[in-house]
Each structure stands twice: as structure tokens, then as C-alpha cells.
């Protein structure tokens, strides 16, 4: 997804993003950690973390 934005490394620091994630995970904390690490070159709008309010916990038996 980020590659499709065609944003160079020198421009990434100027970008402010908001991110809302929907779906299922077995570990919301790990999902948040991976998301922030993947997007570490960008700044979140108003320094808010990604919105995980629509992510449900799914425990695979």
C-alpha cells in the first residue's frame, strides 16, 4: 500500500496519516506494534495512534 503512494524518503517526514484498521486479530497489542513499526517513517496526525476500535479479537482454537 505505502509503495503505491510514490512518496520519497525525504518527503515521508512531511506526511501526516490517520489509520483505521478493521478486521480480526488474536493480539491487538502486536497488531499495533507491527503497524507502527511498518509506518515508522511517517507521523500520525495529532500524534494519535492507529484506530483499532473496529478490530475484534479472534482466538483460533
PDB file of N, CA and C in Angstrom:
ATOM      1  N   UNK A   1       0.814  -1.182   0.000  1.00  0.00           N
ATOM      2  CA  UNK A   1       0.000   0.000   0.000  1.00  0.00           C
ATOM      3  C   UNK A   1       0.867   1.259   0.000  1.00  0.00           C
ATOM      4  N   UNK A   2       1.812   1.354   0.893  1.00  0.00           N
ATOM      5  CA  UNK A   2       2.640   2.550   1.008  1.00  0.00           C
ATOM      6  C   UNK A   2       3.442   2.779  -0.267  1.00  0.00           C
ATOM      7  N   UNK A   3       3.889   1.739  -0.914  1.00  0.00           N
ATOM      8  CA  UNK A   3       4.654   1.893  -2.158  1.00  0.00           C
ATOM      9  C   UNK A   3       3.838   2.596  -3.232  1.00  0.00           C
ATOM     10  N   UNK A   4       2.541   2.366  -3.247  1.00  0.00           N
ATOM     11  CA  UNK A   4       1.660   2.975  -4.241  1.00  0.00           C
ATOM     12  C   UNK A   4       1.525   4.482  -4.049  1.00  0.00           C
ATOM     13  N   UNK A   5       1.900   4.991  -2.897  1.00  0.00           N
ATOM     14  CA  UNK A   5       1.778   6.416  -2.630  1.00  0.00           C
ATOM     15  C   UNK A   5       2.833   7.226  -3.377  1.00  0.00           C
ATOM     16  N   UNK A   6       3.911   6.596  -3.822  1.00  0.00           N
ATOM     17  CA  UNK A   6       5.015   7.280  -4.508  1.00  0.00           C
ATOM     18  C   UNK A   6       5.557   8.453  -3.689  1.00  0.00           C
ATOM     19  N   UNK A   7       5.800   8.207  -2.428  1.00  0.00           N
ATOM     20  CA  UNK A   7       6.366   9.212  -1.531  1.00  0.00           C
ATOM     21  C   UNK A   7       7.814   8.836  -1.261  1.00  0.00           C
ATOM     22  N   UNK A   8       8.719   9.756  -1.560  1.00  0.00           N
ATOM     23  CA  UNK A   8      10.133   9.504  -1.330  1.00  0.00           C
ATOM     24  C   UNK A   8      10.485   9.595   0.142  1.00  0.00           C
ATOM     25  N   UNK A   9      11.628   9.038   0.498  1.00  0.00           N
ATOM     26  CA  UNK A   9      12.073   9.065   1.902  1.00  0.00           C
ATOM     27  C   UNK A   9      12.166  10.494   2.435  1.00  0.00           C
ATOM     28  N   UNK A  10      12.620  11.425   1.588  1.00  0.00           N
ATOM     29  CA  UNK A  10      12.758  12.810   2.041  1.00  0.00           C
ATOM     30  C   UNK A  10      11.406  13.502   2.218  1.00  0.00           C
ATOM     31  N   UNK A  11      10.347  12.964   1.618  1.00  0.00           N
ATOM     32  CA  UNK A  11       9.011  13.541   1.756  1.00  0.00           C
ATOM     33  C   UNK A  11       8.215  12.903   2.898  1.00  0.00           C
ATOM     34  N   UNK A  12       8.604  11.718   3.322  1.00  0.00           N
ATOM     35  CA  UNK A  12       7.840  10.970   4.327  1.00  0.00           C
ATOM     36  C   UNK A  12       7.680  11.751   5.628  1.00  0.00           C
ATOM     37  N   UNK A  13       8.671  12.515   6.005  1.00  0.00           N
ATOM     38  CA  UNK A  13       8.589  13.264   7.264  1.00  0.00           C
ATOM     39  C   UNK A  13       7.535  14.369   7.214  1.00  0.00           C
ATOM     40  N   UNK A  14       7.117  14.762   6.019  1.00  0.00           N
ATOM     41  CA  UNK A  14       6.099  15.808   5.860  1.00  0.00           C
ATOM     42  C   UNK A  14       4.679  15.255   5.889  1.00  0.00           C
ATOM     43  N   UNK A  15       4.546  13.956   5.762  1.00  0.00           N
ATOM     44  CA  UNK A  15       3.236  13.319   5.652  1.00  0.00           C
ATOM     45  C   UNK A  15       2.634  13.100   7.038  1.00  0.00           C
ATOM     46  N   UNK A  16       1.341  13.403   7.172  1.00  0.00           N
ATOM     47  CA  UNK A  16       0.586  13.120   8.392  1.00  0.00           C
ATOM     48  C   UNK A  16      -0.509  12.138   8.006  1.00  0.00           C
ATOM     49  N   UNK A  17      -0.580  11.023   8.720  1.00  0.00           N
ATOM     50  CA  UNK A  17      -1.556   9.999   8.353  1.00  0.00           C
ATOM     51  C   UNK A  17      -2.505   9.697   9.504  1.00  0.00           C
ATOM     52  N   UNK A  18      -3.698   9.257   9.126  1.00  0.00           N
ATOM     53  CA  UNK A  18      -4.669   8.684  10.059  1.00  0.00           C
ATOM     54  C   UNK A  18      -4.930   7.285   9.554  1.00  0.00           C
ATOM     55  N   UNK A  19      -5.057   6.366  10.456  1.00  0.00           N
ATOM     56  CA  UNK A  19      -5.246   4.981  10.054  1.00  0.00           C
ATOM     57  C   UNK A  19      -6.304   4.328  10.924  1.00  0.00           C
ATOM     58  N   UNK A  20      -7.305   3.745  10.264  1.00  0.00           N
ATOM     59  CA  UNK A  20      -8.343   2.991  10.962  1.00  0.00           C
ATOM     60  C   UNK A  20      -8.267   1.572  10.425  1.00  0.00           C
ATOM     61  N   UNK A  21      -8.073   0.626  11.325  1.00  0.00           N
ATOM     62  CA  UNK A  21      -7.931  -0.775  10.941  1.00  0.00           C
ATOM     63  C   UNK A  21      -9.201  -1.517  11.335  1.00  0.00           C
ATOM     64  N   UNK A  22      -9.684  -2.351  10.418  1.00  0.00           N
ATOM     65  CA  UNK A  22     -10.878  -3.168  10.663  1.00  0.00           C
ATOM     66  C   UNK A  22     -10.518  -4.623  10.431  1.00  0.00           C
ATOM     67  N   UNK A  23     -11.108  -5.503  11.198  1.00  0.00           N
ATOM     68  CA  UNK A  23     -10.880  -6.928  10.982  1.00  0.00           C
ATOM     69  C   UNK A  23     -10.718  -7.682  12.283  1.00  0.00           C
ATOM     70  N   UNK A  24      -9.932  -8.739  12.204  1.00  0.00           N
ATOM     71  CA  UNK A  24      -9.747  -9.646  13.338  1.00  0.00           C
ATOM     72  C   UNK A  24      -8.263  -9.875  13.596  1.00  0.00           C
ATOM     73  N   UNK A  25      -7.926 -10.071  14.846  1.00  0.00           N
ATOM     74  CA  UNK A  25      -6.566 -10.409  15.238  1.00  0.00           C
ATOM     75  C   UNK A  25      -6.627 -11.206  16.537  1.00  0.00           C
ATOM     76  N   UNK A  26      -5.599 -11.947  16.797  1.00  0.00           N
ATOM     77  CA  UNK A  26      -5.528 -12.649  18.075  1.00  0.00           C
ATOM     78  C   UNK A  26      -4.802 -11.805  19.120  1.00  0.00           C
ATOM     79  N   UNK A  27      -4.170 -10.681  18.673  1.00  0.00           N
ATOM     80  CA  UNK A  27      -3.385  -9.874  19.600  1.00  0.00           C
ATOM     81  C   UNK A  27      -3.372  -8.414  19.123  1.00  0.00           C
ATOM     82  N   UNK A  28      -4.207  -7.573  19.718  1.00  0.00           N
ATOM     83  CA  UNK A  28      -4.282  -6.167  19.311  1.00  0.00           C
ATOM     84  C   UNK A  28      -2.975  -5.420  19.581  1.00  0.00           C
ATOM     85  N   UNK A  29      -2.326  -5.730  20.685  1.00  0.00           N
ATOM     86  CA  UNK A  29      -1.067  -5.053  21.007  1.00  0.00           C
ATOM     87  C   UNK A  29      -0.003  -5.339  19.960  1.00  0.00           C
ATOM     88  N   UNK A  30       0.085  -6.579  19.523  1.00  0.00           N
ATOM     89  CA  UNK A  30       1.060  -6.951  18.494  1.00  0.00           C
ATOM     90  C   UNK A  30       0.711  -6.281  17.168  1.00  0.00           C
ATOM     91  N   UNK A  31      -0.575  -6.226  16.835  1.00  0.00           N
ATOM     92  CA  UNK A  31      -1.019  -5.554  15.616  1.00  0.00           C
ATOM     93  C   UNK A  31      -0.619  -4.085  15.640  1.00  0.00           C
ATOM     94  N   UNK A  32      -0.835  -3.419  16.760  1.00  0.00           N
ATOM     95  CA  UNK A  32      -0.459  -2.015  16.893  1.00  0.00           C
ATOM     96  C   UNK A  32       1.049  -1.844  16.753  1.00  0.00           C
ATOM     97  N   UNK A  33       1.808  -2.699  17.401  1.00  0.00           N
ATOM     98  CA  UNK A  33       3.275  -2.646  17.341  1.00  0.00           C
ATOM     99  C   UNK A  33       3.776  -2.805  15.901  1.00  0.00           C
ATOM    100  N   UNK A  34       3.257  -3.786  15.193  1.00  0.00           N
ATOM    101  CA  UNK A  34       3.678  -4.038  13.808  1.00  0.00           C
ATOM    102  C   UNK A  34       3.276  -2.876  12.903  1.00  0.00           C
ATOM    103  N   UNK A  35       2.081  -2.350  13.106  1.00  0.00           N
ATOM    104  CA  UNK A  35       1.602  -1.233  12.291  1.00  0.00           C
ATOM    105  C   UNK A  35       2.491  -0.011  12.476  1.00  0.00           C
ATOM    106  N   UNK A  36       2.795   0.327  13.714  1.00  0.00           N
ATOM    107  CA  UNK A  36       3.642   1.486  13.982  1.00  0.00           C
ATOM    108  C   UNK A  36       5.056   1.289  13.448  1.00  0.00           C
ATOM    109  N   UNK A  37       5.584   0.084  13.558  1.00  0.00           N
ATOM    110  CA  UNK A  37       6.924  -0.205  13.034  1.00  0.00           C
ATOM    111  C   UNK A  37       6.941  -0.090  11.509  1.00  0.00           C
ATOM    112  N   UNK A  38       5.899  -0.603  10.859  1.00  0.00           N
ATOM    113  CA  UNK A  38       5.819  -0.555   9.399  1.00  0.00           C
ATOM    114  C   UNK A  38       5.742   0.884   8.894  1.00  0.00           C
ATOM    115  N   UNK A  39       5.069   1.738   9.643  1.00  0.00           N
ATOM    116  CA  UNK A  39       4.864   3.130   9.224  1.00  0.00           C
ATOM    117  C   UNK A  39       5.744   4.106  10.000  1.00  0.00           C
ATOM    118  N   UNK A  40       6.863   3.649  10.498  1.00  0.00           N
ATOM    119  CA  UNK A  40       7.718   4.466  11.372  1.00  0.00           C
ATOM    120  C   UNK A  40       8.281   5.714  10.700  1.00  0.00           C
ATOM    121  N   UNK A  41       8.329   5.740   9.371  1.00  0.00           N
ATOM    122  CA  UNK A  41       8.852   6.912   8.668  1.00  0.00           C
ATOM    123  C   UNK A  41       7.829   8.040   8.580  1.00  0.00           C
ATOM    124  N   UNK A  42       6.588   7.751   8.956  1.00  0.00           N
ATOM    125  CA  UNK A  42       5.519   8.732   8.873  1.00  0.00           C
ATOM    126  C   UNK A  42       5.109   9.189  10.266  1.00  0.00           C
ATOM    127  N   UNK A  43       4.436  10.337  10.326  1.00  0.00           N
ATOM    128  CA  UNK A  43       3.916  10.859  11.583  1.00  0.00           C
ATOM    129  C   UNK A  43       2.403  10.722  11.565  1.00  0.00           C
ATOM    130  N   UNK A  44       1.847  10.244  12.648  1.00  0.00           N
ATOM    131  CA  UNK A  44       0.399  10.139  12.738  1.00  0.00           C
ATOM    132  C   UNK A  44      -0.184  11.509  13.060  1.00  0.00           C
ATOM    133  N   UNK A  45      -1.301  11.831  12.425  1.00  0.00           N
ATOM    134  CA  UNK A  45      -1.988  13.104  12.608  1.00  0.00           C
ATOM    135  C   UNK A  45      -2.284  13.323  14.091  1.00  0.00           C
ATOM    136  N   UNK A  46      -1.940  14.504  14.582  1.00  0.00           N
ATOM    137  CA  UNK A  46      -2.114  14.856  16.003  1.00  0.00           C
ATOM    138  C   UNK A  46      -1.465  13.838  16.933  1.00  0.00           C
ATOM    139  N   UNK A  47      -0.494  13.101  16.427  1.00  0.00           N
ATOM    140  CA  UNK A  47       0.253  12.096  17.193  1.00  0.00           C
ATOM    141  C   UNK A  47      -0.653  11.024  17.799  1.00  0.00           C
ATOM    142  N   UNK A  48      -1.806  10.798  17.160  1.00  0.00           N
ATOM    143  CA  UNK A  48      -2.720   9.747  17.609  1.00  0.00           C
ATOM    144  C   UNK A  48      -2.261   8.413  17.050  1.00  0.00           C
ATOM    145  N   UNK A  49      -2.478   7.365  17.807  1.00  0.00           N
ATOM    146  CA  UNK A  49      -2.138   6.029  17.322  1.00  0.00           C
ATOM    147  C   UNK A  49      -3.195   5.565  16.328  1.00  0.00           C
ATOM    148  N   UNK A  50      -2.888   4.531  15.555  1.00  0.00           N
ATOM    149  CA  UNK A  50      -3.898   3.964  14.666  1.00  0.00           C
ATOM    150  C   UNK A  50      -5.137   3.551  15.461  1.00  0.00           C
ATOM    151  N   UNK A  51      -6.303   3.728  14.838  1.00  0.00           N
ATOM    152  CA  UNK A  51      -7.581   3.399  15.474  1.00  0.00           C
ATOM    153  C   UNK A  51      -7.866   1.912  15.292  1.00  0.00           C
ATOM    154  N   UNK A  52      -7.878   1.177  16.384  1.00  0.00           N
ATOM    155  CA  UNK A  52      -8.160  -0.261  16.351  1.00  0.00           C
ATOM    156  C   UNK A  52      -9.541  -0.573  16.930  1.00  0.00           C
ATOM    157  N   UNK A  53     -10.408   0.423  17.008  1.00  0.00           N
ATOM    158  CA  UNK A  53     -11.713   0.229  17.646  1.00  0.00           C
ATOM    159  C   UNK A  53     -12.604  -0.762  16.900  1.00  0.00           C
ATOM    160  N   UNK A  54     -12.340  -0.986  15.623  1.00  0.00           N
ATOM    161  CA  UNK A  54     -13.142  -1.939  14.857  1.00  0.00           C
ATOM    162  C   UNK A  54     -12.391  -3.246  14.593  1.00  0.00           C
ATOM    163  N   UNK A  55     -11.384  -3.506  15.405  1.00  0.00           N
ATOM    164  CA  UNK A  55     -10.659  -4.775  15.335  1.00  0.00           C
ATOM    165  C   UNK A  55     -11.177  -5.660  16.463  1.00  0.00           C
ATOM    166  N   UNK A  56     -11.591  -6.847  16.103  1.00  0.00           N
ATOM    167  CA  UNK A  56     -12.106  -7.805  17.084  1.00  0.00           C
ATOM    168  C   UNK A  56     -11.051  -8.857  17.389  1.00  0.00           C
ATOM    169  N   UNK A  57     -11.114  -9.378  18.591  1.00  0.00           N
ATOM    170  CA  UNK A  57     -10.205 -10.452  18.993  1.00  0.00           C
ATOM    171  C   UNK A  57     -10.769 -11.777  18.500  1.00  0.00           C
ATOM    172  N   UNK A  58      -9.920 -12.542  17.852  1.00  0.00           N
ATOM    173  CA  UNK A  58     -10.300 -13.859  17.351  1.00  0.00           C
ATOM    174  C   UNK A  58      -9.276 -14.858  17.863  1.00  0.00           C
ATOM    175  N   UNK A  59      -9.723 -15.784  18.665  1.00  0.00           N
ATOM    176  CA  UNK A  59      -8.838 -16.828  19.183  1.00  0.00           C
ATOM    177  C   UNK A  59      -9.051 -18.093  18.381  1.00  0.00           C
ATOM    178  N   UNK A  60      -8.072 -18.430  17.569  1.00  0.00           N
ATOM    179  CA  UNK A  60      -8.141 -19.633  16.745  1.00  0.00           C
ATOM    180  C   UNK A  60      -7.863 -20.845  17.629  1.00  0.00           C
ATOM    181  N   UNK A  61      -8.819 -21.771  17.686  1.00  0.00           N
ATOM    182  CA  UNK A  61      -8.632 -22.937  18.577  1.00  0.00           C
ATOM    183  C   UNK A  61      -7.504 -23.856  18.165  1.00  0.00           C
TER     184      UNK A  61
END
